[in-house]
Amino acid sequence: MADEPGARRPQPRGENARSDARERALTILYEAHSKQISPSSALDSLVLRPDEFTSRLVHGVEVHRTRFDDLIREHAKNWTIERMPVLDVSILRLAMFELAEEPETPVAVIINEAVELAKRFSTDDSGKFVNGMLSAVAPHLRG
């Protein structure tokens, strides 16, 4: 049985693996924020090393954070980053990294995945907020 302790779960393939990596990256970014440490430090403290895509997402958010936060500030109407839910900001940063640095991933996939994370982990209004913000910034990141 898959639910027994020590039982192996099949490894996800394709987009499911990338969805899992996005979720794991989100939890690492949230942990870093909660502990007030860098995302790299949060990655280094993990007992189980994440997959390559998860690590790439976390490092990418860390490296490009200032750029992404500037875009969020520019496009957020009547909201400061400090007033936004931490999960929403982290989801936006993750998606913005993918938009900027993963050109083989379609824009619609990136936005849909971010919206799903927001609906699943944040507030009732977060899905709409994330969708609107990413739709506004996508042209600036994909040219």
Protein backbone atom coordinates (compact mmCIF):
# COMPACT_ATOMS: atom_id res chain seq x y z
CA MET A 1 0.00 0.00 0.00
CA ALA A 2 1.23 3.47 -0.85
CA ASP A 3 0.16 4.88 2.53
CA GLU A 4 2.23 2.49 4.63
CA PRO A 5 5.33 3.95 6.31
CA GLY A 6 8.33 3.47 4.11
CA ALA A 7 6.21 2.74 1.02
CA ARG A 8 7.51 4.28 -2.18
CA ARG A 9 5.44 6.72 -4.13
CA PRO A 10 5.91 6.75 -7.89
CA GLN A 11 8.03 9.67 -9.03
CA PRO A 12 5.98 12.30 -10.84
CA ARG A 13 6.78 12.94 -14.47
CA GLY A 14 6.40 15.92 -16.75
CA GLU A 15 4.33 18.86 -15.59
CA ASN A 16 3.34 17.10 -12.36
CA ALA A 17 7.00 16.99 -11.34
CA ARG A 18 7.33 20.69 -12.13
CA SER A 19 4.15 21.44 -10.17
CA ASP A 20 5.59 19.59 -7.20
CA ALA A 21 8.86 21.52 -7.57
CA ARG A 22 6.99 24.83 -7.59
CA GLU A 23 5.14 23.85 -4.44
CA ARG A 24 8.35 22.77 -2.73
CA ALA A 25 10.05 26.02 -3.74
CA LEU A 26 7.14 27.96 -2.28
CA THR A 27 7.46 26.16 1.05
CA ILE A 28 11.21 26.83 1.13
CA LEU A 29 10.69 30.53 0.40
CA TYR A 30 8.02 30.70 3.09
CA GLU A 31 10.32 28.99 5.57
CA ALA A 32 13.11 31.44 4.74
CA HIS A 33 10.77 34.36 5.31
CA SER A 34 9.43 32.92 8.57
CA LYS A 35 12.91 32.24 9.93
CA GLN A 36 14.26 35.53 8.56
CA ILE A 37 17.05 33.75 6.69
CA SER A 38 18.07 33.80 3.06
CA PRO A 39 16.46 31.34 0.66
CA SER A 40 19.92 29.83 0.09
CA SER A 41 20.29 29.21 3.82
CA ALA A 42 16.87 27.58 3.90
CA LEU A 43 17.93 25.31 1.01
CA ASP A 44 21.21 24.45 2.73
CA SER A 45 19.43 23.49 5.94
CA LEU A 46 17.24 20.86 4.28
CA VAL A 47 17.88 17.24 5.21
CA LEU A 48 16.63 16.02 1.83
CA ARG A 49 18.06 17.92 -1.10
CA PRO A 50 15.38 19.21 -3.47
CA ASP A 51 15.38 18.44 -7.17
CA GLU A 52 17.28 20.69 -9.56
CA PHE A 53 14.22 22.68 -10.70
CA THR A 54 13.19 23.48 -7.11
CA SER A 55 16.71 24.70 -6.32
CA ARG A 56 16.79 26.75 -9.53
CA LEU A 57 13.49 28.43 -8.61
CA VAL A 58 14.58 29.27 -5.07
CA HIS A 59 17.97 30.62 -6.15
CA GLY A 60 16.38 32.54 -9.02
CA VAL A 61 13.93 34.27 -6.72
CA GLU A 62 16.78 35.18 -4.39
CA VAL A 63 18.98 36.59 -7.16
CA HIS A 64 16.21 38.55 -8.93
CA ARG A 65 14.14 39.58 -5.90
CA THR A 66 14.80 43.31 -6.19
CA ARG A 67 13.82 43.35 -9.87
CA PHE A 68 10.65 41.36 -9.21
CA ASP A 69 9.68 43.47 -6.21
CA ASP A 70 10.09 46.62 -8.30
CA LEU A 71 7.70 45.16 -10.90
CA ILE A 72 5.22 44.19 -8.18
CA ARG A 73 5.33 47.71 -6.73
CA GLU A 74 4.90 49.22 -10.19
CA HIS A 75 1.80 47.16 -11.00
CA ALA A 76 0.11 46.79 -7.62
CA LYS A 77 -2.58 49.40 -7.39
CA ASN A 78 -3.14 50.75 -3.86
CA TRP A 79 -1.11 47.92 -2.29
CA THR A 80 2.39 47.79 -0.86
CA ILE A 81 4.36 44.56 -0.78
CA GLU A 82 4.34 44.77 3.01
CA ARG A 83 0.51 44.63 3.02
CA MET A 84 0.33 41.65 0.65
CA PRO A 85 0.16 38.12 2.03
CA VAL A 86 3.65 36.64 2.18
CA LEU A 87 2.54 33.60 0.19
CA ASP A 88 1.13 35.79 -2.59
CA VAL A 89 4.40 37.70 -2.90
CA SER A 90 6.41 34.47 -2.91
CA ILE A 91 4.14 32.96 -5.58
CA LEU A 92 4.48 36.09 -7.70
CA ARG A 93 8.27 36.00 -7.40
CA LEU A 94 8.39 32.31 -8.36
CA ALA A 95 6.21 32.85 -11.41
CA MET A 96 8.11 35.98 -12.40
CA PHE A 97 11.36 34.03 -12.32
CA GLU A 98 9.87 31.41 -14.60
CA LEU A 99 8.49 34.06 -16.94
CA ALA A 100 11.90 35.72 -17.14
CA GLU A 101 14.20 32.70 -17.16
CA GLU A 102 12.25 29.68 -18.42
CA PRO A 103 11.22 30.70 -21.97
CA GLU A 104 10.32 27.12 -22.95
CA THR A 105 7.47 27.11 -20.41
CA PRO A 106 4.34 28.74 -21.85
CA VAL A 107 3.11 31.89 -20.14
CA ALA A 108 -0.34 30.36 -19.61
CA VAL A 109 1.15 27.35 -17.81
CA ILE A 110 3.19 29.55 -15.49
CA ILE A 111 0.22 31.77 -14.64
CA ASN A 112 -2.15 28.83 -14.18
CA GLU A 113 0.29 27.06 -11.87
CA ALA A 114 0.76 30.23 -9.81
CA VAL A 115 -2.99 30.79 -9.55
CA GLU A 116 -3.46 27.20 -8.37
CA LEU A 117 -0.79 27.64 -5.69
CA ALA A 118 -2.46 30.86 -4.54
CA LYS A 119 -5.90 29.24 -4.38
CA ARG A 120 -4.53 26.27 -2.50
CA PHE A 121 -2.28 27.99 0.02
CA SER A 122 -3.34 31.60 0.42
CA THR A 123 -6.49 33.71 0.81
CA ASP A 124 -9.81 33.42 -1.00
CA ASP A 125 -8.93 36.40 -3.21
CA SER A 126 -5.33 35.40 -3.89
CA GLY A 127 -6.01 33.47 -7.09
CA LYS A 128 -7.56 36.51 -8.76
CA PHE A 129 -4.87 38.81 -7.41
CA VAL A 130 -2.01 36.59 -8.62
CA ASN A 131 -3.67 36.16 -12.03
CA GLY A 132 -4.10 39.91 -12.47
CA MET A 133 -0.58 40.76 -11.35
CA LEU A 134 1.09 38.14 -13.52
CA SER A 135 -0.99 39.11 -16.54
CA ALA A 136 0.21 42.68 -16.05
CA VAL A 137 3.91 41.85 -15.59
CA ALA A 138 4.24 39.00 -18.11
CA PRO A 139 4.80 41.33 -21.09
CA HIS A 140 7.66 43.01 -19.20
CA LEU A 141 9.33 39.68 -18.50
CA ARG A 142 8.76 37.91 -21.82
CA GLY A 143 9.24 40.90 -24.11
